[in-house]
Amino acid sequence: MEPETAFERIAQLIGCKWSVRILVSLSSGVTRPSQILKQEDGLSARVMHRCLNRMEKDGLLQKTVLPEVPPHTEYELTDQGHEFVKLLTTVRDMATQWKGTQRPVKL
């Protein structure tokens, strides 16, 4: 991916409230989609799955489908995903010191 295209994609991810929250949820380890839905009030299953699929294609997440009955899926951050969460942490730290902030920042 070209650097400009990658930069635009990173900016899109940072601008997406649910992608950011999902990434932060996954930073604690392997997580099932149902756990993410329980943690994130207001997040619909449809939006969550769209975000998960997009971030998997971007190389931020790894998806594992476990061959059980019934089958279930788990997600975890890739190395690139962990680096992205570090970036989000830096942005959050900057936001907490931002003098123009009108509302609290929640990650």
C-alpha atoms as a PDB file:
ATOM      1  CA  MET A   1       0.000   0.000   0.000  1.00  0.00           C
ATOM      2  CA  GLU A   2       1.260   3.451  -0.879  1.00  0.00           C
ATOM      3  CA  PRO A   3       2.232   5.626   2.122  1.00  0.00           C
ATOM      4  CA  GLU A   4      -0.456   8.241   1.360  1.00  0.00           C
ATOM      5  CA  THR A   5      -3.141   5.567   1.082  1.00  0.00           C
ATOM      6  CA  ALA A   6      -1.967   3.956   4.329  1.00  0.00           C
ATOM      7  CA  PHE A   7      -2.002   7.343   6.065  1.00  0.00           C
ATOM      8  CA  GLU A   8      -5.574   7.971   4.899  1.00  0.00           C
ATOM      9  CA  ARG A   9      -6.644   4.524   6.133  1.00  0.00           C
ATOM     10  CA  ILE A  10      -5.045   5.143   9.550  1.00  0.00           C
ATOM     11  CA  ALA A  11      -6.861   8.491   9.760  1.00  0.00           C
ATOM     12  CA  GLN A  12     -10.149   6.750   8.910  1.00  0.00           C
ATOM     13  CA  LEU A  13      -9.603   4.182  11.642  1.00  0.00           C
ATOM     14  CA  ILE A  14      -8.774   6.817  14.239  1.00  0.00           C
ATOM     15  CA  GLY A  15     -11.921   8.696  13.206  1.00  0.00           C
ATOM     16  CA  CYS A  16     -14.149   5.647  13.651  1.00  0.00           C
ATOM     17  CA  LYS A  17     -15.380   5.503  17.232  1.00  0.00           C
ATOM     18  CA  TRP A  18     -16.230   1.800  17.088  1.00  0.00           C
ATOM     19  CA  SER A  19     -12.978   0.696  15.458  1.00  0.00           C
ATOM     20  CA  VAL A  20     -11.018   2.491  18.163  1.00  0.00           C
ATOM     21  CA  ARG A  21     -13.102   0.962  20.942  1.00  0.00           C
ATOM     22  CA  ILE A  22     -12.885  -2.524  19.432  1.00  0.00           C
ATOM     23  CA  LEU A  23      -9.103  -2.268  19.112  1.00  0.00           C
ATOM     24  CA  VAL A  24      -8.805  -1.160  22.733  1.00  0.00           C
ATOM     25  CA  SER A  25     -11.059  -4.065  23.798  1.00  0.00           C
ATOM     26  CA  LEU A  26      -8.829  -6.492  21.930  1.00  0.00           C
ATOM     27  CA  SER A  27      -5.675  -5.080  23.498  1.00  0.00           C
ATOM     28  CA  SER A  28      -6.368  -7.157  26.629  1.00  0.00           C
ATOM     29  CA  GLY A  29      -6.021 -10.425  24.687  1.00  0.00           C
ATOM     30  CA  VAL A  30      -7.994 -12.954  22.666  1.00  0.00           C
ATOM     31  CA  THR A  31     -11.649 -11.916  22.609  1.00  0.00           C
ATOM     32  CA  ARG A  32     -14.905 -13.297  21.252  1.00  0.00           C
ATOM     33  CA  PRO A  33     -17.308 -10.956  19.452  1.00  0.00           C
ATOM     34  CA  SER A  34     -19.953 -11.497  22.146  1.00  0.00           C
ATOM     35  CA  GLN A  35     -17.515 -10.134  24.754  1.00  0.00           C
ATOM     36  CA  ILE A  36     -16.976  -6.993  22.676  1.00  0.00           C
ATOM     37  CA  LEU A  37     -20.728  -6.446  22.370  1.00  0.00           C
ATOM     38  CA  LYS A  38     -21.144  -6.765  26.151  1.00  0.00           C
ATOM     39  CA  GLN A  39     -18.395  -4.202  26.784  1.00  0.00           C
ATOM     40  CA  GLU A  40     -19.522  -1.598  24.268  1.00  0.00           C
ATOM     41  CA  ASP A  41     -22.963  -0.109  24.909  1.00  0.00           C
ATOM     42  CA  GLY A  42     -24.630   1.029  21.705  1.00  0.00           C
ATOM     43  CA  LEU A  43     -22.527  -1.130  19.383  1.00  0.00           C
ATOM     44  CA  SER A  44     -24.667  -3.298  17.097  1.00  0.00           C
ATOM     45  CA  ALA A  45     -23.547  -6.740  15.943  1.00  0.00           C
ATOM     46  CA  ARG A  46     -23.722  -5.618  12.311  1.00  0.00           C
ATOM     47  CA  VAL A  47     -21.435  -2.606  12.826  1.00  0.00           C
ATOM     48  CA  MET A  48     -19.052  -4.643  14.970  1.00  0.00           C
ATOM     49  CA  HIS A  49     -18.686  -7.369  12.333  1.00  0.00           C
ATOM     50  CA  ARG A  50     -18.129  -4.770   9.608  1.00  0.00           C
ATOM     51  CA  CYS A  51     -15.374  -3.147  11.692  1.00  0.00           C
ATOM     52  CA  LEU A  52     -13.797  -6.501  12.566  1.00  0.00           C
ATOM     53  CA  ASN A  53     -13.744  -7.604   8.917  1.00  0.00           C
ATOM     54  CA  ARG A  54     -12.257  -4.298   7.772  1.00  0.00           C
ATOM     55  CA  MET A  55      -9.555  -4.332  10.448  1.00  0.00           C
ATOM     56  CA  GLU A  56      -8.735  -7.965   9.683  1.00  0.00           C
ATOM     57  CA  LYS A  57      -8.208  -7.005   6.019  1.00  0.00           C
ATOM     58  CA  ASP A  58      -6.018  -4.111   7.195  1.00  0.00           C
ATOM     59  CA  GLY A  59      -3.818  -6.578   9.072  1.00  0.00           C
ATOM     60  CA  LEU A  60      -4.646  -5.279  12.550  1.00  0.00           C
ATOM     61  CA  LEU A  61      -6.516  -8.383  13.723  1.00  0.00           C
ATOM     62  CA  GLN A  62      -6.225 -12.108  13.394  1.00  0.00           C
ATOM     63  CA  LYS A  63      -9.411 -14.156  13.272  1.00  0.00           C
ATOM     64  CA  THR A  64      -9.563 -17.750  14.485  1.00  0.00           C
ATOM     65  CA  VAL A  65     -12.614 -19.953  13.909  1.00  0.00           C
ATOM     66  CA  LEU A  66     -12.632 -22.778  16.416  1.00  0.00           C
ATOM     67  CA  PRO A  67     -14.029 -26.089  15.097  1.00  0.00           C
ATOM     68  CA  GLU A  68     -16.426 -26.735  17.955  1.00  0.00           C
ATOM     69  CA  VAL A  69     -20.137 -27.343  18.041  1.00  0.00           C
ATOM     70  CA  PRO A  70     -21.377 -24.705  17.742  1.00  0.00           C
ATOM     71  CA  PRO A  71     -18.333 -23.105  16.102  1.00  0.00           C
ATOM     72  CA  HIS A  72     -17.173 -19.815  17.523  1.00  0.00           C
ATOM     73  CA  THR A  73     -14.793 -17.081  16.497  1.00  0.00           C
ATOM     74  CA  GLU A  74     -12.035 -15.346  18.399  1.00  0.00           C
ATOM     75  CA  TYR A  75     -10.066 -12.240  17.482  1.00  0.00           C
ATOM     76  CA  GLU A  76      -6.696 -10.998  18.634  1.00  0.00           C
ATOM     77  CA  LEU A  77      -4.425  -8.134  17.683  1.00  0.00           C
ATOM     78  CA  THR A  78      -1.544  -8.729  15.319  1.00  0.00           C
ATOM     79  CA  ASP A  79       1.824  -7.061  15.932  1.00  0.00           C
ATOM     80  CA  GLN A  80       0.641  -4.238  13.672  1.00  0.00           C
ATOM     81  CA  GLY A  81      -2.559  -4.017  15.732  1.00  0.00           C
ATOM     82  CA  HIS A  82      -0.556  -3.661  18.940  1.00  0.00           C
ATOM     83  CA  GLU A  83       1.437  -0.840  17.318  1.00  0.00           C
ATOM     84  CA  PHE A  84      -1.822   0.842  16.339  1.00  0.00           C
ATOM     85  CA  VAL A  85      -3.087   0.632  19.931  1.00  0.00           C
ATOM     86  CA  LYS A  86       0.156   2.316  21.063  1.00  0.00           C
ATOM     87  CA  LEU A  87      -0.650   5.126  18.628  1.00  0.00           C
ATOM     88  CA  LEU A  88      -4.171   5.387  20.050  1.00  0.00           C
ATOM     89  CA  THR A  89      -2.760   5.565  23.567  1.00  0.00           C
ATOM     90  CA  THR A  90      -0.511   8.439  22.506  1.00  0.00           C
ATOM     91  CA  VAL A  91      -3.471  10.247  20.939  1.00  0.00           C
ATOM     92  CA  ARG A  92      -5.570   9.662  24.088  1.00  0.00           C
ATOM     93  CA  ASP A  93      -2.768  11.036  26.280  1.00  0.00           C
ATOM     94  CA  MET A  94      -2.537  14.102  24.059  1.00  0.00           C
ATOM     95  CA  ALA A  95      -6.311  14.543  24.164  1.00  0.00           C
ATOM     96  CA  THR A  96      -6.403  14.508  27.955  1.00  0.00           C
ATOM     97  CA  GLN A  97      -3.992  17.460  27.980  1.00  0.00           C
ATOM     98  CA  TRP A  98      -5.681  19.321  25.128  1.00  0.00           C
ATOM     99  CA  LYS A  99      -6.860  22.700  26.408  1.00  0.00           C
ATOM    100  CA  GLY A 100      -9.683  22.964  23.878  1.00  0.00           C
ATOM    101  CA  THR A 101     -11.341  19.668  24.801  1.00  0.00           C
ATOM    102  CA  GLN A 102     -15.046  20.168  25.454  1.00  0.00           C
ATOM    103  CA  ARG A 103     -15.882  16.629  26.540  1.00  0.00           C
ATOM    104  CA  PRO A 104     -14.072  13.731  28.182  1.00  0.00           C
ATOM    105  CA  VAL A 105     -12.239  11.233  25.997  1.00  0.00           C
ATOM    106  CA  LYS A 106     -13.233   7.631  26.591  1.00  0.00           C
ATOM    107  CA  LEU A 107     -11.329   4.698  25.132  1.00  0.00           C
END
